Amino acid sequence: MLLGGVLKQDRKIGASSLSLESGMSLHANYGVRLAGGDKAAVYGAVNFIASPLRGVKTANRLAIRDFATIYVTPEIRVKLAPGSPIAPFVFAGAGLAVYEHSLLNIAGAASGVARTSNTVTVTNGAGVDVRGWRWIGLRGEIRDNYTGSPLLNAGSGAGRQHNPTVAGGLVLRFGK
């Protein structure tokens, strides 16, 4: 259970610029140790991230006002020194991103875009687990979800985009 944020992005669409504002992100991850020993271990995991609101800023008044995102990504994590008090890790995976677009554009009229759109996401990043008391610990991570673009209604803004997140929170451990 992590709490974090998706970082702000500035994009160029044709002659105009567009900014995807930063937004809060809520993370849940379930992982299972697949193999390993004292020096390294491999985990299979499923990560869920919800980013409930990111604003869109641009001079194009027809662009959508904001959007929300959900990412679901199965991934492989490699953790170094998994039994030590501080254990760094890296991960990679791929899954699904779902965008929910605002009903209104920046001008306040109907946006005219589909309410939702789906795209493939590729995720990768790194982090560190800090062992706490018994079955509880702390985690910090930096992640990038590389996805298709939301339907911005702002010209030729299609393509792929990076969605970097920084998060931290609690880890609950079950079993060994």
Protein backbone atom coordinates (compact mmCIF):
# COMPACT_ATOMS: atom_id res chain seq x y z
CA MET A 1 0.00 0.00 0.00
CA LEU A 2 1.78 3.05 -1.29
CA LEU A 3 0.85 6.68 -1.72
CA GLY A 4 2.60 8.81 -4.29
CA GLY A 5 2.23 11.03 -7.27
CA VAL A 6 2.42 11.02 -11.04
CA LEU A 7 4.86 13.72 -12.14
CA LYS A 8 3.94 16.67 -14.38
CA GLN A 9 4.68 16.40 -18.11
CA ASP A 10 5.02 19.11 -20.72
CA ARG A 11 4.26 18.09 -24.31
CA LYS A 12 4.41 19.81 -27.67
CA ILE A 13 1.44 19.16 -29.98
CA GLY A 14 1.87 20.86 -33.31
CA ALA A 15 2.60 24.56 -32.69
CA SER A 16 1.04 24.60 -29.22
CA SER A 17 2.21 23.28 -25.89
CA LEU A 18 0.25 21.15 -23.45
CA SER A 19 0.88 20.27 -19.82
CA LEU A 20 -0.37 17.15 -18.10
CA GLU A 21 -0.43 18.24 -14.47
CA SER A 22 0.86 16.09 -11.63
CA GLY A 23 -1.62 14.00 -9.68
CA MET A 24 -1.90 11.75 -6.65
CA SER A 25 -1.42 7.99 -7.08
CA LEU A 26 -2.62 5.13 -4.89
CA HIS A 27 -0.72 1.83 -5.22
CA ALA A 28 -1.45 -1.76 -4.21
CA ASN A 29 0.91 -4.61 -5.00
CA TYR A 30 0.74 -8.34 -4.37
CA GLY A 31 3.95 -10.30 -4.86
CA VAL A 32 5.04 -13.92 -4.40
CA ARG A 33 8.62 -15.14 -4.12
CA LEU A 34 9.32 -17.50 -7.01
CA ALA A 35 13.00 -18.35 -6.48
CA GLY A 36 16.17 -17.17 -4.82
CA GLY A 37 18.45 -17.29 -1.85
CA ASP A 38 20.24 -14.90 0.50
CA LYS A 39 21.89 -12.77 -2.22
CA ALA A 40 18.97 -12.30 -4.61
CA ALA A 41 15.37 -13.39 -5.08
CA VAL A 42 12.87 -13.26 -7.95
CA TYR A 43 9.25 -12.32 -7.30
CA GLY A 44 6.16 -12.43 -9.46
CA ALA A 45 3.82 -9.54 -8.69
CA VAL A 46 0.71 -7.72 -9.82
CA ASN A 47 0.72 -3.96 -9.35
CA PHE A 48 -2.36 -1.74 -9.29
CA ILE A 49 -2.15 2.07 -9.48
CA ALA A 50 -5.04 4.53 -9.49
CA SER A 51 -4.44 8.17 -10.33
CA PRO A 52 -7.84 9.79 -9.74
CA LEU A 53 -7.27 13.22 -11.30
CA ARG A 54 -4.71 14.90 -13.55
CA GLY A 55 -5.49 18.28 -15.05
CA VAL A 56 -4.73 19.29 -18.63
CA LYS A 57 -3.40 22.83 -19.26
CA THR A 58 -3.20 24.24 -22.79
CA ALA A 59 -4.27 27.26 -24.83
CA ASN A 60 -6.44 24.89 -26.93
CA ARG A 61 -9.88 25.38 -25.33
CA LEU A 62 -11.21 22.21 -27.05
CA ALA A 63 -8.84 19.93 -25.10
CA ILE A 64 -10.28 17.80 -22.28
CA ARG A 65 -10.20 19.39 -18.83
CA ASP A 66 -8.77 16.40 -16.92
CA PHE A 67 -8.48 12.63 -16.84
CA ALA A 68 -8.05 9.71 -14.41
CA THR A 69 -5.96 6.57 -14.92
CA ILE A 70 -5.84 2.99 -13.67
CA TYR A 71 -2.81 0.78 -14.36
CA VAL A 72 -2.81 -3.00 -13.81
CA THR A 73 0.57 -4.58 -14.50
CA PRO A 74 1.86 -8.08 -13.85
CA GLU A 75 5.61 -7.79 -13.30
CA ILE A 76 8.82 -9.56 -12.34
CA ARG A 77 10.84 -8.11 -9.45
CA VAL A 78 14.46 -8.93 -8.63
CA LYS A 79 15.40 -8.07 -5.05
CA LEU A 80 18.99 -8.00 -3.81
CA ALA A 81 19.73 -9.23 -0.26
CA PRO A 82 16.05 -10.03 0.37
CA GLY A 83 16.62 -10.98 4.03
CA SER A 84 18.61 -7.87 4.96
CA PRO A 85 17.18 -4.79 6.71
CA ILE A 86 17.51 -2.74 3.49
CA ALA A 87 16.80 -4.57 0.21
CA PRO A 88 16.93 -2.73 -3.14
CA PHE A 89 14.96 -4.08 -6.11
CA VAL A 90 14.27 -3.54 -9.80
CA PHE A 91 11.17 -4.60 -11.73
CA ALA A 92 9.64 -4.73 -15.20
CA GLY A 93 6.29 -5.80 -16.59
CA ALA A 94 3.44 -5.03 -18.95
CA GLY A 95 -0.29 -4.71 -18.57
CA LEU A 96 -3.29 -2.46 -19.13
CA ALA A 97 -3.89 1.27 -18.64
CA VAL A 98 -7.44 2.62 -18.60
CA TYR A 99 -8.02 6.35 -19.04
CA GLU A 100 -11.25 8.03 -18.00
CA HIS A 101 -11.64 11.38 -19.79
CA SER A 102 -13.55 14.40 -18.50
CA LEU A 103 -16.98 15.07 -19.95
CA LEU A 104 -16.09 18.75 -20.40
CA ASN A 105 -13.38 20.52 -22.34
CA ILE A 106 -11.38 23.47 -21.02
CA ALA A 107 -13.98 25.90 -22.44
CA GLY A 108 -16.70 24.18 -20.34
CA ALA A 109 -18.57 22.57 -23.26
CA ALA A 110 -18.99 18.83 -23.91
CA SER A 111 -15.57 17.36 -24.70
CA GLY A 112 -16.79 15.10 -27.51
CA VAL A 113 -14.31 12.30 -26.72
CA ALA A 114 -15.08 8.78 -25.55
CA ARG A 115 -15.53 8.52 -21.79
CA THR A 116 -12.85 5.81 -21.49
CA SER A 117 -9.98 4.42 -23.53
CA ASN A 118 -7.66 1.45 -22.96
CA THR A 119 -4.03 1.05 -23.91
CA VAL A 120 -1.10 -1.25 -23.22
CA THR A 121 1.36 -0.13 -20.55
CA VAL A 122 4.95 -1.21 -20.09
CA THR A 123 6.29 -0.57 -16.60
CA ASN A 124 9.77 -0.55 -15.08
CA GLY A 125 11.49 0.98 -12.11
CA ALA A 126 13.42 0.50 -8.91
CA GLY A 127 12.91 0.81 -5.20
CA VAL A 128 13.95 -0.23 -1.76
CA ASP A 129 12.27 -2.24 0.99
CA VAL A 130 13.18 -1.43 4.60
CA ARG A 131 12.42 -4.17 7.09
CA GLY A 132 10.44 -2.96 10.05
CA TRP A 133 8.92 -4.73 12.98
CA ARG A 134 7.88 -8.39 12.43
CA TRP A 135 5.54 -8.42 9.40
CA ILE A 136 5.49 -4.73 8.54
CA GLY A 137 8.03 -2.67 6.63
CA LEU A 138 8.47 0.39 4.45
CA ARG A 139 8.85 0.70 0.68
CA GLY A 140 9.88 3.51 -1.63
CA GLU A 141 9.87 3.22 -5.41
CA ILE A 142 10.22 5.12 -8.65
CA ARG A 143 8.19 3.75 -11.56
CA ASP A 144 7.48 4.63 -15.18
CA ASN A 145 4.33 3.42 -16.96
CA TYR A 146 4.89 3.91 -20.68
CA THR A 147 1.45 4.00 -22.31
CA GLY A 148 -0.59 5.25 -25.19
CA SER A 149 -1.84 8.80 -24.78
CA PRO A 150 -5.26 9.64 -23.31
CA LEU A 151 -7.78 11.13 -25.77
CA LEU A 152 -6.81 14.75 -25.17
CA ASN A 153 -8.86 16.25 -28.04
CA ALA A 154 -5.90 18.55 -28.68
CA GLY A 155 -4.82 17.92 -32.26
CA SER A 156 -2.26 15.28 -33.11
CA GLY A 157 -1.49 14.32 -29.51
CA ALA A 158 -1.74 10.59 -30.11
CA GLY A 159 1.25 8.39 -29.57
CA ARG A 160 2.91 7.08 -26.45
CA GLN A 161 3.86 8.84 -23.24
CA HIS A 162 5.82 8.28 -20.05
CA ASN A 163 3.90 8.43 -16.76
CA PRO A 164 6.58 8.57 -14.03
CA THR A 165 5.48 8.02 -10.44
CA VAL A 166 7.23 8.30 -7.10
CA ALA A 167 5.64 6.52 -4.14
CA GLY A 168 6.24 5.33 -0.60
CA GLY A 169 4.33 3.43 2.02
CA LEU A 170 3.84 0.23 3.98
CA VAL A 171 4.66 -3.38 3.13
CA LEU A 172 2.82 -6.20 4.86
CA ARG A 173 4.71 -9.53 4.76
CA PHE A 174 3.05 -12.91 5.06
CA GLY A 175 5.03 -16.13 5.51
CA LYS A 176 8.80 -16.37 5.27
